[in-house]
Amino acid sequence: MEATEKLYELRNVLGPEEDAEDSILLSYLEQAKAAILYRMNQYMTDEEYEEAEVPKRYEQKQIQIAAFLVNKRGAEGETQHIENGIHRNYEGADIPSTMLRGITPFVGIPR
């Protein structure tokens, strides 16, 4: 899937009320890509990372993670928020491990 297709899909997931610029949403897609590639192989070199793409089976996961990051904007470090009966807790300041579950790490000998 091309970056423009992922951007289109992300905009659909976020809905019409999200008016972030394309460059911002592409940054979130890039952060999601980095998280997925790191989970797959944390020993990847910079050169390998530059050439790497998110495998097709994880493209929807990349969009889900990017949508999570967009929706969490402004409350990145929040651990608990209670207001008018609404409770918000976050697993951490980063992408929750539950979102990265299902990504199979690369197995091999580190270089």
N, C-alpha and C. Protein backbone atom coordinates (compact mmCIF):
# COMPACT_ATOMS: atom_id res chain seq x y z
N MET A 1 0.85 -1.17 0.00
CA MET A 1 0.00 0.00 0.00
C MET A 1 0.90 1.24 0.00
N GLU A 2 0.62 2.15 -0.87
CA GLU A 2 1.39 3.39 -0.97
C GLU A 2 1.07 4.32 0.20
N ALA A 3 1.96 5.28 0.44
CA ALA A 3 1.76 6.24 1.53
C ALA A 3 0.47 7.03 1.36
N THR A 4 0.13 7.38 0.13
CA THR A 4 -1.11 8.13 -0.11
C THR A 4 -2.34 7.30 0.22
N GLU A 5 -2.27 6.00 -0.06
CA GLU A 5 -3.38 5.10 0.28
C GLU A 5 -3.52 4.96 1.79
N LYS A 6 -2.39 4.86 2.48
CA LYS A 6 -2.41 4.77 3.95
C LYS A 6 -2.96 6.06 4.55
N LEU A 7 -2.57 7.19 3.97
CA LEU A 7 -3.07 8.48 4.44
C LEU A 7 -4.58 8.57 4.25
N TYR A 8 -5.07 8.12 3.11
CA TYR A 8 -6.51 8.11 2.83
C TYR A 8 -7.24 7.22 3.85
N GLU A 9 -6.69 6.04 4.08
CA GLU A 9 -7.28 5.10 5.04
C GLU A 9 -7.28 5.69 6.45
N LEU A 10 -6.17 6.34 6.83
CA LEU A 10 -6.09 6.97 8.15
C LEU A 10 -7.14 8.06 8.29
N ARG A 11 -7.30 8.87 7.26
CA ARG A 11 -8.33 9.92 7.31
C ARG A 11 -9.73 9.32 7.47
N ASN A 12 -10.00 8.19 6.83
CA ASN A 12 -11.30 7.52 6.97
C ASN A 12 -11.50 7.02 8.39
N VAL A 13 -10.45 6.48 8.99
CA VAL A 13 -10.54 5.95 10.35
C VAL A 13 -10.79 7.09 11.35
N LEU A 14 -10.11 8.21 11.14
CA LEU A 14 -10.22 9.34 12.06
C LEU A 14 -11.55 10.07 11.94
N GLY A 15 -12.13 10.05 10.77
CA GLY A 15 -13.42 10.71 10.58
C GLY A 15 -13.27 12.14 10.10
N PRO A 16 -14.39 12.74 9.71
CA PRO A 16 -14.35 14.08 9.11
C PRO A 16 -13.99 15.20 10.09
N GLU A 17 -14.14 14.97 11.38
CA GLU A 17 -13.84 16.04 12.34
C GLU A 17 -12.35 16.26 12.55
N GLU A 18 -11.52 15.33 12.13
CA GLU A 18 -10.07 15.48 12.27
C GLU A 18 -9.55 16.24 11.05
N ASP A 19 -9.04 17.44 11.29
CA ASP A 19 -8.59 18.28 10.17
C ASP A 19 -7.08 18.49 10.17
N ALA A 20 -6.34 17.54 10.70
CA ALA A 20 -4.88 17.65 10.72
C ALA A 20 -4.33 17.67 9.29
N GLU A 21 -3.23 18.37 9.13
CA GLU A 21 -2.59 18.44 7.82
C GLU A 21 -2.01 17.08 7.45
N ASP A 22 -1.89 16.86 6.15
CA ASP A 22 -1.34 15.60 5.65
C ASP A 22 0.05 15.33 6.20
N SER A 23 0.88 16.38 6.29
CA SER A 23 2.25 16.20 6.78
C SER A 23 2.27 15.68 8.22
N ILE A 24 1.33 16.13 9.03
CA ILE A 24 1.25 15.66 10.42
C ILE A 24 0.83 14.20 10.45
N LEU A 25 -0.19 13.84 9.67
CA LEU A 25 -0.65 12.46 9.64
C LEU A 25 0.42 11.53 9.07
N LEU A 26 1.18 12.00 8.08
CA LEU A 26 2.27 11.19 7.55
C LEU A 26 3.35 10.96 8.61
N SER A 27 3.56 11.96 9.46
CA SER A 27 4.52 11.79 10.57
C SER A 27 4.06 10.70 11.53
N TYR A 28 2.77 10.67 11.82
CA TYR A 28 2.23 9.62 12.70
C TYR A 28 2.34 8.25 12.03
N LEU A 29 2.11 8.19 10.73
CA LEU A 29 2.28 6.92 10.01
C LEU A 29 3.74 6.47 10.06
N GLU A 30 4.66 7.43 10.00
CA GLU A 30 6.09 7.10 10.07
C GLU A 30 6.46 6.61 11.48
N GLN A 31 5.87 7.21 12.52
CA GLN A 31 6.11 6.74 13.89
C GLN A 31 5.58 5.32 14.07
N ALA A 32 4.42 5.06 13.50
CA ALA A 32 3.85 3.71 13.59
C ALA A 32 4.72 2.71 12.85
N LYS A 33 5.24 3.12 11.70
CA LYS A 33 6.16 2.26 10.94
C LYS A 33 7.39 1.94 11.78
N ALA A 34 7.96 2.96 12.41
CA ALA A 34 9.15 2.75 13.23
C ALA A 34 8.88 1.78 14.37
N ALA A 35 7.72 1.90 15.01
CA ALA A 35 7.38 1.00 16.11
C ALA A 35 7.24 -0.44 15.63
N ILE A 36 6.61 -0.62 14.49
CA ILE A 36 6.42 -1.97 13.94
C ILE A 36 7.75 -2.58 13.54
N LEU A 37 8.58 -1.80 12.84
CA LEU A 37 9.87 -2.33 12.41
C LEU A 37 10.78 -2.63 13.60
N TYR A 38 10.72 -1.79 14.64
CA TYR A 38 11.52 -2.04 15.84
C TYR A 38 11.06 -3.32 16.53
N ARG A 39 9.75 -3.50 16.60
CA ARG A 39 9.21 -4.72 17.22
C ARG A 39 9.63 -5.96 16.42
N MET A 40 9.69 -5.81 15.10
CA MET A 40 10.06 -6.95 14.26
C MET A 40 11.55 -7.27 14.39
N ASN A 41 12.39 -6.24 14.42
CA ASN A 41 13.83 -6.46 14.47
C ASN A 41 14.52 -5.25 15.09
N GLN A 42 14.77 -5.32 16.38
CA GLN A 42 15.38 -4.18 17.06
C GLN A 42 16.85 -3.99 16.74
N TYR A 43 17.44 -4.94 16.03
CA TYR A 43 18.85 -4.84 15.66
C TYR A 43 19.06 -4.33 14.25
N MET A 44 18.01 -3.81 13.63
CA MET A 44 18.06 -3.31 12.27
C MET A 44 18.99 -2.09 12.22
N THR A 45 19.87 -2.05 11.23
CA THR A 45 20.75 -0.90 11.06
C THR A 45 19.98 0.25 10.43
N ASP A 46 20.57 1.44 10.46
CA ASP A 46 19.94 2.60 9.86
C ASP A 46 19.70 2.39 8.36
N GLU A 47 20.68 1.78 7.70
CA GLU A 47 20.55 1.53 6.27
C GLU A 47 19.40 0.56 5.99
N GLU A 48 19.31 -0.48 6.80
CA GLU A 48 18.22 -1.45 6.63
C GLU A 48 16.87 -0.80 6.90
N TYR A 49 16.83 0.09 7.90
CA TYR A 49 15.58 0.78 8.22
C TYR A 49 15.13 1.66 7.06
N GLU A 50 16.06 2.38 6.46
CA GLU A 50 15.73 3.27 5.34
C GLU A 50 15.11 2.50 4.17
N GLU A 51 15.58 1.28 3.96
CA GLU A 51 15.08 0.47 2.85
C GLU A 51 13.83 -0.33 3.21
N ALA A 52 13.58 -0.52 4.50
CA ALA A 52 12.50 -1.40 4.96
C ALA A 52 11.13 -0.75 4.78
N GLU A 53 10.17 -1.58 4.50
CA GLU A 53 8.77 -1.17 4.44
C GLU A 53 7.98 -2.04 5.41
N VAL A 54 6.86 -1.55 5.85
CA VAL A 54 5.99 -2.33 6.70
C VAL A 54 5.42 -3.47 5.87
N PRO A 55 5.56 -4.71 6.35
CA PRO A 55 4.99 -5.84 5.59
C PRO A 55 3.48 -5.66 5.39
N LYS A 56 3.00 -6.16 4.29
CA LYS A 56 1.58 -6.01 3.93
C LYS A 56 0.65 -6.44 5.06
N ARG A 57 1.00 -7.52 5.75
CA ARG A 57 0.11 -8.02 6.81
C ARG A 57 0.02 -7.07 8.00
N TYR A 58 0.95 -6.11 8.12
CA TYR A 58 0.93 -5.17 9.25
C TYR A 58 0.52 -3.75 8.83
N GLU A 59 0.11 -3.55 7.59
CA GLU A 59 -0.27 -2.21 7.14
C GLU A 59 -1.48 -1.67 7.89
N GLN A 60 -2.48 -2.52 8.12
CA GLN A 60 -3.65 -2.06 8.88
C GLN A 60 -3.28 -1.77 10.33
N LYS A 61 -2.35 -2.54 10.87
CA LYS A 61 -1.85 -2.28 12.24
C LYS A 61 -1.15 -0.92 12.28
N GLN A 62 -0.41 -0.58 11.22
CA GLN A 62 0.26 0.72 11.15
C GLN A 62 -0.78 1.85 11.19
N ILE A 63 -1.86 1.68 10.46
CA ILE A 63 -2.92 2.70 10.43
C ILE A 63 -3.59 2.80 11.80
N GLN A 64 -3.84 1.66 12.44
CA GLN A 64 -4.45 1.66 13.78
C GLN A 64 -3.55 2.39 14.79
N ILE A 65 -2.26 2.11 14.75
CA ILE A 65 -1.33 2.75 15.68
C ILE A 65 -1.27 4.25 15.41
N ALA A 66 -1.22 4.64 14.13
CA ALA A 66 -1.19 6.06 13.79
C ALA A 66 -2.46 6.76 14.28
N ALA A 67 -3.61 6.13 14.12
CA ALA A 67 -4.88 6.71 14.60
C ALA A 67 -4.86 6.85 16.12
N PHE A 68 -4.32 5.86 16.80
CA PHE A 68 -4.19 5.92 18.26
C PHE A 68 -3.34 7.13 18.66
N LEU A 69 -2.22 7.32 17.98
CA LEU A 69 -1.32 8.43 18.31
C LEU A 69 -1.97 9.78 18.03
N VAL A 70 -2.72 9.88 16.94
CA VAL A 70 -3.41 11.13 16.62
C VAL A 70 -4.45 11.44 17.70
N ASN A 71 -5.22 10.44 18.08
CA ASN A 71 -6.28 10.64 19.06
C ASN A 71 -5.74 10.94 20.46
N LYS A 72 -4.52 10.53 20.72
CA LYS A 72 -3.91 10.74 22.03
C LYS A 72 -3.13 12.05 22.09
N ARG A 73 -3.08 12.76 20.99
CA ARG A 73 -2.36 14.02 20.92
C ARG A 73 -2.80 14.98 22.01
N GLY A 74 -1.85 15.55 22.70
CA GLY A 74 -2.15 16.50 23.76
C GLY A 74 -2.26 15.86 25.12
N ALA A 75 -2.31 14.54 25.17
CA ALA A 75 -2.41 13.82 26.45
C ALA A 75 -1.41 12.68 26.48
N GLU A 76 -0.24 12.89 25.89
CA GLU A 76 0.73 11.82 25.71
C GLU A 76 1.15 11.15 27.02
N GLY A 77 1.39 11.90 28.05
CA GLY A 77 1.88 11.33 29.29
C GLY A 77 0.81 11.07 30.34
N GLU A 78 -0.43 11.23 29.97
CA GLU A 78 -1.53 11.12 30.93
C GLU A 78 -1.63 9.71 31.49
N THR A 79 -1.71 9.60 32.82
CA THR A 79 -1.88 8.30 33.44
C THR A 79 -3.29 8.14 34.00
N GLN A 80 -3.92 9.25 34.36
CA GLN A 80 -5.31 9.18 34.80
C GLN A 80 -5.93 10.56 34.67
N HIS A 81 -7.18 10.59 34.24
CA HIS A 81 -7.91 11.83 34.08
C HIS A 81 -9.37 11.54 34.40
N ILE A 82 -9.91 12.24 35.36
CA ILE A 82 -11.32 12.05 35.73
C ILE A 82 -12.00 13.41 35.65
N GLU A 83 -13.06 13.47 34.85
CA GLU A 83 -13.79 14.71 34.71
C GLU A 83 -15.23 14.40 34.33
N ASN A 84 -16.17 14.86 35.12
CA ASN A 84 -17.60 14.66 34.86
C ASN A 84 -17.94 13.20 34.60
N GLY A 85 -17.38 12.32 35.38
CA GLY A 85 -17.69 10.91 35.24
C GLY A 85 -16.94 10.19 34.13
N ILE A 86 -16.06 10.89 33.44
CA ILE A 86 -15.27 10.26 32.38
C ILE A 86 -13.89 9.96 32.95
N HIS A 87 -13.48 8.71 32.85
CA HIS A 87 -12.18 8.28 33.37
C HIS A 87 -11.27 7.91 32.20
N ARG A 88 -10.05 8.44 32.22
CA ARG A 88 -9.07 8.11 31.18
C ARG A 88 -7.78 7.65 31.85
N ASN A 89 -7.32 6.49 31.45
CA ASN A 89 -6.03 5.96 31.89
C ASN A 89 -5.29 5.50 30.65
N TYR A 90 -3.99 5.64 30.66
CA TYR A 90 -3.19 5.15 29.55
C TYR A 90 -2.19 4.15 30.07
N GLU A 91 -1.88 3.16 29.23
CA GLU A 91 -0.91 2.13 29.59
C GLU A 91 0.46 2.72 29.83
N GLY A 92 0.80 3.73 29.09
CA GLY A 92 2.09 4.39 29.21
C GLY A 92 2.11 5.58 28.28
N ALA A 93 3.22 6.25 28.23
CA ALA A 93 3.32 7.41 27.37
C ALA A 93 3.61 7.02 25.93
N ASP A 94 3.80 5.74 25.70
CA ASP A 94 4.14 5.26 24.37
C ASP A 94 2.97 4.44 23.81
N ILE A 95 3.22 3.75 22.73
CA ILE A 95 2.21 2.88 22.13
C ILE A 95 1.99 1.70 23.07
N PRO A 96 0.76 1.39 23.42
CA PRO A 96 0.51 0.27 24.33
C PRO A 96 1.01 -1.06 23.75
N SER A 97 1.52 -1.89 24.62
CA SER A 97 2.04 -3.19 24.18
C SER A 97 0.93 -4.04 23.55
N THR A 98 -0.31 -3.81 23.95
CA THR A 98 -1.41 -4.58 23.37
C THR A 98 -1.57 -4.28 21.88
N MET A 99 -1.20 -3.07 21.44
CA MET A 99 -1.31 -2.74 20.01
C MET A 99 -0.19 -3.40 19.21
N LEU A 100 0.92 -3.70 19.87
CA LEU A 100 2.05 -4.32 19.19
C LEU A 100 1.98 -5.84 19.26
N ARG A 101 1.03 -6.34 20.03
CA ARG A 101 0.86 -7.79 20.12
C ARG A 101 0.48 -8.32 18.74
N GLY A 102 1.01 -9.44 18.40
CA GLY A 102 0.70 -10.03 17.11
C GLY A 102 1.74 -9.73 16.05
N ILE A 103 2.67 -8.82 16.35
CA ILE A 103 3.77 -8.56 15.42
C ILE A 103 4.88 -9.53 15.78
N THR A 104 5.23 -10.37 14.83
CA THR A 104 6.21 -11.42 15.08
C THR A 104 7.62 -10.87 14.99
N PRO A 105 8.39 -10.95 16.08
CA PRO A 105 9.78 -10.48 16.03
C PRO A 105 10.65 -11.38 15.15
N PHE A 106 11.63 -10.77 14.55
CA PHE A 106 12.62 -11.48 13.76
C PHE A 106 13.51 -12.26 14.70
N VAL A 107 13.81 -13.49 14.36
CA VAL A 107 14.65 -14.32 15.20
C VAL A 107 15.96 -14.57 14.45
N GLY A 108 17.04 -14.31 15.14
CA GLY A 108 18.35 -14.52 14.51
C GLY A 108 19.45 -14.11 15.47
N ILE A 109 20.65 -14.14 14.99
CA ILE A 109 21.82 -13.78 15.78
C ILE A 109 22.13 -12.31 15.52
N PRO A 110 22.22 -11.47 16.59
CA PRO A 110 22.55 -10.07 16.39
C PRO A 110 23.93 -9.91 15.75
N ARG A 111 24.09 -8.87 14.96
CA ARG A 111 25.37 -8.63 14.30
C ARG A 111 26.32 -7.95 15.22
